[in-house]
């Protein structure tokens, strides 16, 4: 059986939010934190992992990532505050 994909949100030191997908969120976070992750997060540390959702397939994760990115700042903050915007029952915040 394939491992599930996850959607995650990082808060950068400058207050911006970065949304991404990964199978192993902890390993992906370490890549971001060490400067080997997405170009956007380089030089914006320290980073904090603030939200993780289990998405199932890679396609599900990509669709959810796109939906979160479309939320805008206020929508993302609302999701982080209580998950009210989340349409996934398996959402969890860190």
C-alpha atoms as a PDB file:
ATOM      1  CA  UNK A   1       0.000   0.000   0.000  1.00  0.00           C
ATOM      2  CA  UNK A   2       1.226   3.486  -0.840  1.00  0.00           C
ATOM      3  CA  UNK A   3       1.985   5.999   1.852  1.00  0.00           C
ATOM      4  CA  UNK A   4      -0.501   8.869   2.099  1.00  0.00           C
ATOM      5  CA  UNK A   5       0.360  12.371   0.963  1.00  0.00           C
ATOM      6  CA  UNK A   6      -0.010  15.401   3.217  1.00  0.00           C
ATOM      7  CA  UNK A   7      -0.553  19.123   2.737  1.00  0.00           C
ATOM      8  CA  UNK A   8       1.377  21.364   5.114  1.00  0.00           C
ATOM      9  CA  UNK A   9       1.725  25.055   5.912  1.00  0.00           C
ATOM     10  CA  UNK A  10       4.903  26.705   7.178  1.00  0.00           C
ATOM     11  CA  UNK A  11       5.080  30.098   8.850  1.00  0.00           C
ATOM     12  CA  UNK A  12       8.243  31.939   7.824  1.00  0.00           C
ATOM     13  CA  UNK A  13      10.127  34.358  10.084  1.00  0.00           C
ATOM     14  CA  UNK A  14       8.837  37.285   7.995  1.00  0.00           C
ATOM     15  CA  UNK A  15       5.251  36.208   8.793  1.00  0.00           C
ATOM     16  CA  UNK A  16       4.442  34.812   5.351  1.00  0.00           C
ATOM     17  CA  UNK A  17       2.862  31.390   4.909  1.00  0.00           C
ATOM     18  CA  UNK A  18       4.143  28.687   2.567  1.00  0.00           C
ATOM     19  CA  UNK A  19       1.934  25.752   1.511  1.00  0.00           C
ATOM     20  CA  UNK A  20       3.352  22.496   0.158  1.00  0.00           C
ATOM     21  CA  UNK A  21       2.809  18.743  -0.140  1.00  0.00           C
ATOM     22  CA  UNK A  22       4.890  15.747   0.938  1.00  0.00           C
ATOM     23  CA  UNK A  23       4.679  12.115   1.939  1.00  0.00           C
ATOM     24  CA  UNK A  24       7.095  12.583   4.844  1.00  0.00           C
ATOM     25  CA  UNK A  25       6.331  16.043   6.244  1.00  0.00           C
ATOM     26  CA  UNK A  26       9.059  15.904   8.901  1.00  0.00           C
ATOM     27  CA  UNK A  27      11.761  15.123   6.316  1.00  0.00           C
ATOM     28  CA  UNK A  28      10.418  17.811   3.986  1.00  0.00           C
ATOM     29  CA  UNK A  29      10.405  20.340   6.827  1.00  0.00           C
ATOM     30  CA  UNK A  30      14.052  19.527   7.560  1.00  0.00           C
ATOM     31  CA  UNK A  31      14.891  20.169   3.894  1.00  0.00           C
ATOM     32  CA  UNK A  32      13.177  23.563   4.085  1.00  0.00           C
ATOM     33  CA  UNK A  33      14.865  24.410   7.395  1.00  0.00           C
ATOM     34  CA  UNK A  34      18.315  23.525   6.045  1.00  0.00           C
ATOM     35  CA  UNK A  35      17.876  25.688   2.935  1.00  0.00           C
ATOM     36  CA  UNK A  36      17.464  22.742   0.551  1.00  0.00           C
ATOM     37  CA  UNK A  37      13.681  23.022   0.229  1.00  0.00           C
ATOM     38  CA  UNK A  38      11.607  25.350  -1.918  1.00  0.00           C
ATOM     39  CA  UNK A  39      13.314  28.482  -3.172  1.00  0.00           C
ATOM     40  CA  UNK A  40      10.610  30.592  -1.479  1.00  0.00           C
ATOM     41  CA  UNK A  41      11.554  29.424   2.016  1.00  0.00           C
ATOM     42  CA  UNK A  42      15.312  29.959   1.600  1.00  0.00           C
ATOM     43  CA  UNK A  43      16.453  32.866   3.729  1.00  0.00           C
ATOM     44  CA  UNK A  44      13.052  33.185   5.410  1.00  0.00           C
ATOM     45  CA  UNK A  45      13.875  31.082   8.472  1.00  0.00           C
ATOM     46  CA  UNK A  46      13.455  30.127  11.121  1.00  0.00           C
ATOM     47  CA  UNK A  47      10.415  28.248   9.855  1.00  0.00           C
ATOM     48  CA  UNK A  48       7.576  26.822  11.935  1.00  0.00           C
ATOM     49  CA  UNK A  49       5.369  23.934  10.803  1.00  0.00           C
ATOM     50  CA  UNK A  50       1.897  25.218  11.697  1.00  0.00           C
ATOM     51  CA  UNK A  51      -0.545  22.906   9.901  1.00  0.00           C
ATOM     52  CA  UNK A  52      -0.659  19.388   8.429  1.00  0.00           C
ATOM     53  CA  UNK A  53      -3.551  17.603   6.692  1.00  0.00           C
ATOM     54  CA  UNK A  54      -3.584  14.027   5.471  1.00  0.00           C
ATOM     55  CA  UNK A  55      -4.715  14.090   1.844  1.00  0.00           C
ATOM     56  CA  UNK A  56      -4.505  10.483   0.646  1.00  0.00           C
ATOM     57  CA  UNK A  57      -3.286  10.463  -2.957  1.00  0.00           C
ATOM     58  CA  UNK A  58      -0.862  12.878  -4.583  1.00  0.00           C
ATOM     59  CA  UNK A  59      -3.711  14.210  -6.725  1.00  0.00           C
ATOM     60  CA  UNK A  60      -5.807  14.886  -3.626  1.00  0.00           C
ATOM     61  CA  UNK A  61      -2.854  16.670  -2.024  1.00  0.00           C
ATOM     62  CA  UNK A  62      -2.242  18.828  -5.103  1.00  0.00           C
ATOM     63  CA  UNK A  63      -5.918  19.831  -5.276  1.00  0.00           C
ATOM     64  CA  UNK A  64      -6.036  20.684  -1.563  1.00  0.00           C
ATOM     65  CA  UNK A  65      -2.764  22.637  -1.819  1.00  0.00           C
ATOM     66  CA  UNK A  66      -4.226  24.677  -4.689  1.00  0.00           C
ATOM     67  CA  UNK A  67      -7.424  25.316  -2.704  1.00  0.00           C
ATOM     68  CA  UNK A  68      -5.444  26.521   0.321  1.00  0.00           C
ATOM     69  CA  UNK A  69      -3.272  28.772  -1.838  1.00  0.00           C
ATOM     70  CA  UNK A  70      -6.428  30.392  -3.257  1.00  0.00           C
ATOM     71  CA  UNK A  71      -7.705  31.226   0.243  1.00  0.00           C
ATOM     72  CA  UNK A  72      -5.534  34.290   0.640  1.00  0.00           C
ATOM     73  CA  UNK A  73      -3.999  35.432   3.885  1.00  0.00           C
ATOM     74  CA  UNK A  74      -7.224  35.821   5.900  1.00  0.00           C
ATOM     75  CA  UNK A  75      -8.537  32.431   4.827  1.00  0.00           C
ATOM     76  CA  UNK A  76      -5.283  30.706   5.689  1.00  0.00           C
ATOM     77  CA  UNK A  77      -5.193  32.364   9.114  1.00  0.00           C
ATOM     78  CA  UNK A  78      -8.803  31.222   9.703  1.00  0.00           C
ATOM     79  CA  UNK A  79      -7.810  27.673   8.763  1.00  0.00           C
ATOM     80  CA  UNK A  80      -4.879  27.818  11.178  1.00  0.00           C
ATOM     81  CA  UNK A  81      -7.033  29.280  13.947  1.00  0.00           C
ATOM     82  CA  UNK A  82      -9.566  26.519  13.985  1.00  0.00           C
ATOM     83  CA  UNK A  83      -9.775  24.612  10.780  1.00  0.00           C
ATOM     84  CA  UNK A  84     -13.244  25.990  10.059  1.00  0.00           C
ATOM     85  CA  UNK A  85     -12.386  26.343   6.370  1.00  0.00           C
ATOM     86  CA  UNK A  86     -11.023  22.798   6.143  1.00  0.00           C
ATOM     87  CA  UNK A  87     -13.112  20.319   4.185  1.00  0.00           C
ATOM     88  CA  UNK A  88     -11.025  17.388   5.404  1.00  0.00           C
ATOM     89  CA  UNK A  89     -11.928  15.643   8.636  1.00  0.00           C
ATOM     90  CA  UNK A  90      -8.345  14.495   9.052  1.00  0.00           C
ATOM     91  CA  UNK A  91      -6.889  17.993   9.375  1.00  0.00           C
ATOM     92  CA  UNK A  92      -4.628  18.640  12.312  1.00  0.00           C
ATOM     93  CA  UNK A  93      -2.726  21.699  13.406  1.00  0.00           C
ATOM     94  CA  UNK A  94       0.680  21.706  15.028  1.00  0.00           C
END
